[in-house]
Structure formats: C-alpha cells, structure tokens
C-alpha cells in the first residue's frame, strides 16, 4: 500500500514532498518526525503540511461516506469498524463513529469506547512505527523509484559542475523560501482567535447601569 502511494506521488511529480505526504496519515505527530529528520524547510515537511491541510478539509467527509457504505453492508462487526475508525484524527474518528452508531444504534456505547481505545493506541504506537518503519520505508521507496532520475542528475553535474551547482543552489534557496511562506500561510489560517470580554467583565459591574441611564 505504501509503495503504491509513493508510486502515485512520483507519477504526479511531487518530488521529495512524496516522502512526507505518503508515510502516514499526516496528523500532528508527523510534523515532529519529519521536522527532526529533514528539517522544517525541507520538501518532506511541505508534503506533511499539504496532506495535513487536505485531510483536515476533506478527511471527515471522505471517512463519513466510506464508513456509511461499509457499515451498511452488514459484513463486519461494529466493534471491528470502531477499531478502524480510531486510526485518524479526532474529527475523523467522530465522523466515522457517528456513521457506525447510525447503522448499529444498539452498540453505541461499545463503539464509542472501542474507537477511543483504538485512537489512543494508534497515536502512541504510531509515533514509533512512523519513526522506525514507515518514514524510512517511504524514503527508500522514493529513492528506488527515482534512482534513474538521480543518476541523470549526477551525470549532468559531472559534465558541467560549476553551472549546475549554482543552479541547484539557487533552486534550493527559492524552494526553501517557498516552503517558509507556505508554513506562514498555514500558521495564519490557523491562528488563535481572541474574543473580547463581556461588557460586564470589561467595564465593571456598573456598566449596564450607566448605559441605561
């Protein structure tokens, strides 16, 4: 499955962002994994950010439709469906559990409990699986699928080393700046909102009396 995802991303010419976009579901712990290994200015980190935003916008909708379809088949046990519902983020889990409980209303408490346990287990174990298994495998798959392109770049750099080195340095600097701007836009879109205090807290207990007068 991971190799297929990497292959599709390579065909889409995502570049090194393929590694960050395909090694996991790209929720919050994925940022720390990729940032620690490749750095926050890397293409791999940009791939994690892109998939995080995409999953936030469309993940709950997709998992709701998928869970509703599978639950109505009446093939799988509702507790098994609940275990599968816990592998994503909290919003995705809630959306999936709602579909399962709609199909199996008598098992609502059991489904909620099993999904919560599954989400906790996958959050904890997913960190270690991502660090030691998924991320290295995604990187190896990407290198294997792009080895011909890498060999051509090595040959080209040997033919004209000074010109290619300067071009690569300029391209990497532009890419790093683009990654920085992308992270800033994501941070601005999810910035903390500050609501004003209620009038009685902001102006004191005599505020309403002065207004009525």
Protein backbone atom coordinates (compact mmCIF):
# COMPACT_ATOMS: atom_id res chain seq x y z
CA UNK A 1 0.00 0.00 0.00
CA UNK A 2 2.79 2.41 0.94
CA UNK A 3 4.71 1.56 -2.23
CA UNK A 4 1.59 2.23 -4.32
CA UNK A 5 1.07 5.63 -2.67
CA UNK A 6 4.71 6.55 -3.25
CA UNK A 7 4.43 5.44 -6.87
CA UNK A 8 1.35 7.60 -7.46
CA UNK A 9 3.06 10.62 -5.86
CA UNK A 10 6.15 10.10 -8.02
CA UNK A 11 3.97 9.97 -11.13
CA UNK A 12 2.40 13.26 -10.02
CA UNK A 13 5.93 14.73 -9.82
CA UNK A 14 5.64 15.76 -6.19
CA UNK A 15 9.40 15.46 -5.73
CA UNK A 16 10.79 14.91 -2.25
CA UNK A 17 7.47 16.00 -0.77
CA UNK A 18 6.37 12.46 -1.67
CA UNK A 19 8.10 11.09 1.43
CA UNK A 20 6.28 13.37 3.86
CA UNK A 21 2.94 13.03 2.11
CA UNK A 22 2.80 9.23 1.96
CA UNK A 23 4.50 7.77 5.05
CA UNK A 24 1.47 8.20 7.35
CA UNK A 25 -1.93 9.85 7.75
CA UNK A 26 0.00 13.08 8.42
CA UNK A 27 -1.57 14.19 11.67
CA UNK A 28 0.11 16.20 14.43
CA UNK A 29 2.92 13.73 15.41
CA UNK A 30 4.07 13.54 11.78
CA UNK A 31 5.29 17.14 11.91
CA UNK A 32 7.78 16.33 14.67
CA UNK A 33 9.04 13.18 12.92
CA UNK A 34 9.72 14.86 9.58
CA UNK A 35 11.00 18.10 11.10
CA UNK A 36 13.51 16.21 13.24
CA UNK A 37 14.85 14.14 10.33
CA UNK A 38 14.67 16.52 7.37
CA UNK A 39 14.18 19.97 8.89
CA UNK A 40 11.25 22.41 8.77
CA UNK A 41 12.45 23.95 5.48
CA UNK A 42 12.54 20.64 3.61
CA UNK A 43 10.27 19.42 0.84
CA UNK A 44 9.36 16.44 3.01
CA UNK A 45 7.96 18.79 5.66
CA UNK A 46 5.97 20.58 2.98
CA UNK A 47 4.44 17.27 1.96
CA UNK A 48 3.27 16.68 5.54
CA UNK A 49 1.74 20.16 5.70
CA UNK A 50 -0.07 19.71 2.41
CA UNK A 51 -1.62 16.39 3.42
CA UNK A 52 -2.49 17.71 6.89
CA UNK A 53 -4.47 20.58 5.36
CA UNK A 54 -6.09 18.28 2.80
CA UNK A 55 -7.05 15.76 5.49
CA UNK A 56 -8.46 18.49 7.71
CA UNK A 57 -10.67 19.83 4.92
CA UNK A 58 -11.80 16.59 3.28
CA UNK A 59 -10.88 13.76 5.66
CA UNK A 60 -14.04 13.82 7.76
CA UNK A 61 -16.26 13.95 4.66
CA UNK A 62 -14.44 11.07 3.00
CA UNK A 63 -14.38 8.84 6.09
CA UNK A 64 -18.09 9.50 6.72
CA UNK A 65 -19.05 8.35 3.23
CA UNK A 66 -16.73 5.35 3.37
CA UNK A 67 -17.88 4.24 6.82
CA UNK A 68 -21.54 4.63 5.93
CA UNK A 69 -21.06 2.46 2.85
CA UNK A 70 -19.12 -0.28 4.65
CA UNK A 71 -21.33 -0.29 7.77
CA UNK A 72 -24.49 -0.79 5.71
CA UNK A 73 -23.01 -3.88 4.11
CA UNK A 74 -23.57 -5.63 7.48
CA UNK A 75 -20.47 -7.75 6.85
CA UNK A 76 -18.12 -6.52 9.59
CA UNK A 77 -18.69 -6.50 13.31
CA UNK A 78 -19.42 -2.97 14.61
CA UNK A 79 -16.52 -3.24 17.07
CA UNK A 80 -14.17 -4.04 14.19
CA UNK A 81 -15.43 -0.96 12.37
CA UNK A 82 -14.90 1.06 15.54
CA UNK A 83 -11.29 -0.12 15.75
CA UNK A 84 -10.75 1.06 12.19
CA UNK A 85 -12.41 4.38 12.92
CA UNK A 86 -9.81 5.23 15.57
CA UNK A 87 -6.77 5.42 13.30
CA UNK A 88 -7.36 9.01 12.14
CA UNK A 89 -7.68 12.35 13.85
CA UNK A 90 -10.31 13.17 16.46
CA UNK A 91 -12.65 14.78 13.93
CA UNK A 92 -12.34 11.84 11.55
CA UNK A 93 -12.97 9.40 14.39
CA UNK A 94 -16.08 11.30 15.50
CA UNK A 95 -17.47 11.39 11.96
CA UNK A 96 -16.81 7.70 11.44
CA UNK A 97 -18.30 6.71 14.80
CA UNK A 98 -21.47 8.66 14.01
CA UNK A 99 -21.94 6.61 10.84
CA UNK A 100 -21.33 3.34 12.67
CA UNK A 101 -23.73 4.12 15.50
CA UNK A 102 -26.38 5.13 12.97
CA UNK A 103 -26.12 1.65 11.44
CA UNK A 104 -25.81 -0.13 14.82
CA UNK A 105 -27.69 2.02 17.37
CA UNK A 106 -27.75 -0.75 19.97
CA UNK A 107 -23.94 -0.87 20.17
CA UNK A 108 -23.37 2.86 20.59
CA UNK A 109 -21.50 2.72 23.91
CA UNK A 110 -19.30 -0.18 22.84
CA UNK A 111 -18.47 1.51 19.53
CA UNK A 112 -17.55 4.79 21.23
CA UNK A 113 -15.32 3.05 23.76
CA UNK A 114 -13.57 0.85 21.20
CA UNK A 115 -12.94 3.79 18.87
CA UNK A 116 -11.44 5.84 21.71
CA UNK A 117 -9.14 2.97 22.72
CA UNK A 118 -8.10 2.44 19.11
CA UNK A 119 -7.33 6.13 18.68
CA UNK A 120 -5.15 6.14 21.82
CA UNK A 121 -3.26 3.01 20.78
CA UNK A 122 -2.59 4.21 17.24
CA UNK A 123 -1.49 7.64 18.47
CA UNK A 124 1.10 6.16 20.83
CA UNK A 125 2.33 3.27 18.71
CA UNK A 126 2.07 5.28 15.50
CA UNK A 127 4.91 7.53 16.61
CA UNK A 128 7.34 4.61 16.91
CA UNK A 129 6.03 2.91 13.78
CA UNK A 130 6.45 6.14 11.85
CA UNK A 131 9.97 6.84 13.10
CA UNK A 132 11.45 3.35 12.72
CA UNK A 133 9.35 1.76 9.95
CA UNK A 134 7.09 3.97 7.84
CA UNK A 135 9.33 7.00 7.29
CA UNK A 136 12.48 5.02 6.39
CA UNK A 137 10.48 2.75 4.07
CA UNK A 138 8.83 5.70 2.31
CA UNK A 139 12.26 7.28 1.81
CA UNK A 140 13.68 4.02 0.40
CA UNK A 141 10.70 3.54 -1.92
CA UNK A 142 11.09 7.09 -3.20
CA UNK A 143 14.82 6.66 -3.80
CA UNK A 144 14.24 3.36 -5.59
CA UNK A 145 11.58 4.82 -7.89
CA UNK A 146 13.66 7.92 -8.71
CA UNK A 147 17.13 6.33 -8.96
CA UNK A 148 17.27 6.82 -12.75
CA UNK A 149 16.48 10.49 -12.38
CA UNK A 150 19.11 10.81 -9.65
CA UNK A 151 21.73 9.11 -11.84
CA UNK A 152 20.96 11.51 -14.70
CA UNK A 153 21.42 14.44 -12.35
CA UNK A 154 24.79 13.05 -11.23
CA UNK A 155 25.93 12.69 -14.85
CA UNK A 156 24.76 16.21 -15.64
CA UNK A 157 26.55 17.63 -12.62
CA UNK A 158 29.75 15.86 -13.69
CA UNK A 159 29.52 17.37 -17.18
CA UNK A 160 29.05 20.94 -16.00
CA UNK A 161 29.69 21.04 -12.28
CA UNK A 162 30.02 24.83 -11.69
CA UNK A 163 26.92 25.81 -13.67
CA UNK A 164 24.76 23.02 -12.26
CA UNK A 165 25.91 23.68 -8.69
CA UNK A 166 25.00 27.35 -8.95
CA UNK A 167 21.62 26.50 -10.46
CA UNK A 168 20.96 23.91 -7.76
CA UNK A 169 21.87 26.35 -5.01
CA UNK A 170 19.55 28.98 -6.45
CA UNK A 171 16.72 26.48 -6.86
CA UNK A 172 17.14 25.18 -3.30
CA UNK A 173 17.12 28.72 -1.92
CA UNK A 174 13.93 29.51 -3.83
CA UNK A 175 12.36 26.26 -2.64
CA UNK A 176 13.29 26.99 0.98
CA UNK A 177 11.74 30.45 0.73
CA UNK A 178 8.59 28.99 -0.81
CA UNK A 179 8.37 26.43 2.00
CA UNK A 180 8.73 29.18 4.59
CA UNK A 181 5.96 31.25 3.03
CA UNK A 182 3.74 28.18 2.84
CA UNK A 183 4.22 27.47 6.56
CA UNK A 184 3.45 31.10 7.39
CA UNK A 185 0.20 30.99 5.41
CA UNK A 186 -0.83 27.79 7.18
CA UNK A 187 0.01 29.34 10.57
CA UNK A 188 -2.01 32.46 9.76
CA UNK A 189 -5.02 30.41 8.68
CA UNK A 190 -4.99 28.52 11.98
CA UNK A 191 -4.03 31.47 14.20
CA UNK A 192 -5.58 31.85 17.62
CA UNK A 193 -8.74 33.94 17.72
CA UNK A 194 -9.17 36.35 20.61
CA UNK A 195 -12.74 37.27 21.54
CA UNK A 196 -13.47 40.45 23.51
CA UNK A 197 -14.52 40.13 27.11
CA UNK A 198 -18.15 40.50 28.01
CA UNK A 199 -19.14 44.12 28.71
CA UNK A 200 -19.76 43.47 32.40
CA UNK A 201 -16.26 42.00 32.78
CA UNK A 202 -14.53 44.61 30.69
CA UNK A 203 -16.23 47.70 32.16
CA UNK A 204 -17.12 46.65 35.65
CA UNK A 205 -20.43 45.95 37.38
CA UNK A 206 -21.75 49.49 36.86
CA UNK A 207 -21.51 49.35 33.07
CA UNK A 208 -25.13 48.37 32.37
CA UNK A 209 -26.43 50.96 34.84
CA UNK A 210 -24.53 53.74 33.11
CA UNK A 211 -25.78 52.59 29.73
CA UNK A 212 -29.41 52.50 30.83
CA UNK A 213 -29.15 56.00 32.24
